[in-house]
Amino acid sequence: MYFQTWAAVWQMDGHGPYVWGAYSLTLLVIIALVAIPLVRARNLTQEIRNDERRRAVAAEASGENHASKT
């Protein structure tokens, strides 16, 4: 192994803050690229379900109104 201790791995001959910062930023972007579409899909699915419920309730209510008029 190139580094003898974990402290040396973190320091990386003085380049550690840059390297680990770049890894952290990259990981953060990858997590965001996965999480954001998942959250949007979940929200869209919930909106579609709510819309279907509203339409079903409206159809039921209008069907009751038509039945009571005749």
C-alpha atoms as a PDB file:
ATOM      1  CA  MET A   1       0.000   0.000   0.000  1.00  0.00           C
ATOM      2  CA  TYR A   2       1.197   3.473  -0.806  1.00  0.00           C
ATOM      3  CA  PHE A   3       0.250   5.015   2.540  1.00  0.00           C
ATOM      4  CA  GLN A   4       1.543   3.643   5.828  1.00  0.00           C
ATOM      5  CA  THR A   5      -1.165   5.046   8.134  1.00  0.00           C
ATOM      6  CA  TRP A   6      -4.735   6.295   7.910  1.00  0.00           C
ATOM      7  CA  ALA A   7      -3.512   9.785   8.761  1.00  0.00           C
ATOM      8  CA  ALA A   8      -1.315   9.656   5.680  1.00  0.00           C
ATOM      9  CA  VAL A   9      -4.318   8.598   3.602  1.00  0.00           C
ATOM     10  CA  TRP A  10      -6.281  11.623   4.834  1.00  0.00           C
ATOM     11  CA  GLN A  11      -3.351  13.983   4.235  1.00  0.00           C
ATOM     12  CA  MET A  12      -2.216  12.503   0.879  1.00  0.00           C
ATOM     13  CA  ASP A  13       1.068  14.361   0.941  1.00  0.00           C
ATOM     14  CA  GLY A  14      -0.728  17.684   1.437  1.00  0.00           C
ATOM     15  CA  HIS A  15      -3.335  17.098  -1.280  1.00  0.00           C
ATOM     16  CA  GLY A  16      -5.877  15.438   1.007  1.00  0.00           C
ATOM     17  CA  PRO A  17      -8.274  18.349   1.491  1.00  0.00           C
ATOM     18  CA  TYR A  18      -8.562  18.853  -2.280  1.00  0.00           C
ATOM     19  CA  VAL A  19      -8.910  15.142  -3.072  1.00  0.00           C
ATOM     20  CA  TRP A  20     -11.434  14.364  -0.326  1.00  0.00           C
ATOM     21  CA  GLY A  21     -13.342  17.552  -1.087  1.00  0.00           C
ATOM     22  CA  ALA A  22     -13.587  16.526  -4.735  1.00  0.00           C
ATOM     23  CA  TYR A  23     -14.754  13.032  -3.752  1.00  0.00           C
ATOM     24  CA  SER A  24     -17.345  14.514  -1.378  1.00  0.00           C
ATOM     25  CA  LEU A  25     -18.683  16.928  -3.971  1.00  0.00           C
ATOM     26  CA  THR A  26     -18.881  14.170  -6.585  1.00  0.00           C
ATOM     27  CA  LEU A  27     -20.731  11.877  -4.189  1.00  0.00           C
ATOM     28  CA  LEU A  28     -23.149  14.678  -3.315  1.00  0.00           C
ATOM     29  CA  VAL A  29     -23.916  15.315  -6.999  1.00  0.00           C
ATOM     30  CA  ILE A  30     -24.455  11.598  -7.693  1.00  0.00           C
ATOM     31  CA  ILE A  31     -26.822  11.310  -4.732  1.00  0.00           C
ATOM     32  CA  ALA A  32     -28.756  14.365  -5.957  1.00  0.00           C
ATOM     33  CA  LEU A  33     -28.946  12.954  -9.505  1.00  0.00           C
ATOM     34  CA  VAL A  34     -30.563   9.813  -8.112  1.00  0.00           C
ATOM     35  CA  ALA A  35     -32.717  11.338  -5.359  1.00  0.00           C
ATOM     36  CA  ILE A  36     -34.306  14.254  -7.219  1.00  0.00           C
ATOM     37  CA  PRO A  37     -35.972  12.149  -9.953  1.00  0.00           C
ATOM     38  CA  LEU A  38     -37.160   9.638  -7.355  1.00  0.00           C
ATOM     39  CA  VAL A  39     -38.788  12.378  -5.282  1.00  0.00           C
ATOM     40  CA  ARG A  40     -40.358  13.936  -8.391  1.00  0.00           C
ATOM     41  CA  ALA A  41     -41.721  10.568  -9.515  1.00  0.00           C
ATOM     42  CA  ARG A  42     -43.211   9.927  -6.075  1.00  0.00           C
ATOM     43  CA  ASN A  43     -44.819  13.377  -6.033  1.00  0.00           C
ATOM     44  CA  LEU A  44     -46.191  12.933  -9.554  1.00  0.00           C
ATOM     45  CA  THR A  45     -47.628   9.537  -8.650  1.00  0.00           C
ATOM     46  CA  GLN A  46     -49.307  11.051  -5.593  1.00  0.00           C
ATOM     47  CA  GLU A  47     -50.722  13.911  -7.682  1.00  0.00           C
ATOM     48  CA  ILE A  48     -52.132  11.427 -10.203  1.00  0.00           C
ATOM     49  CA  ARG A  49     -53.749   9.379  -7.414  1.00  0.00           C
ATOM     50  CA  ASN A  50     -55.261  12.504  -5.884  1.00  0.00           C
ATOM     51  CA  ASP A  51     -56.588  13.613  -9.265  1.00  0.00           C
ATOM     52  CA  GLU A  52     -58.132  10.191  -9.883  1.00  0.00           C
ATOM     53  CA  ARG A  53     -59.818  10.322  -6.460  1.00  0.00           C
ATOM     54  CA  ARG A  54     -61.186  13.802  -7.164  1.00  0.00           C
ATOM     55  CA  ARG A  55     -62.547  12.674 -10.523  1.00  0.00           C
ATOM     56  CA  ALA A  56     -64.132   9.578  -8.986  1.00  0.00           C
ATOM     57  CA  VAL A  57     -65.787  11.657  -6.279  1.00  0.00           C
ATOM     58  CA  ALA A  58     -66.989  14.197  -8.842  1.00  0.00           C
ATOM     59  CA  ALA A  59     -68.335  11.457 -11.114  1.00  0.00           C
ATOM     60  CA  GLU A  60     -70.095   9.819  -8.185  1.00  0.00           C
ATOM     61  CA  ALA A  61     -71.573  13.126  -7.085  1.00  0.00           C
ATOM     62  CA  SER A  62     -72.763  14.020 -10.583  1.00  0.00           C
ATOM     63  CA  GLY A  63     -74.220  10.540 -10.996  1.00  0.00           C
ATOM     64  CA  GLU A  64     -76.191  10.964  -7.773  1.00  0.00           C
ATOM     65  CA  ASN A  65     -77.432  14.358  -8.897  1.00  0.00           C
ATOM     66  CA  HIS A  66     -78.621  12.983 -12.249  1.00  0.00           C
ATOM     67  CA  ALA A  67     -80.331  10.024 -10.539  1.00  0.00           C
ATOM     68  CA  SER A  68     -82.198  12.262  -8.106  1.00  0.00           C
ATOM     69  CA  LYS A  69     -83.414  14.588 -10.912  1.00  0.00           C
ATOM     70  CA  THR A  70     -85.047  11.764 -12.890  1.00  0.00           C
END
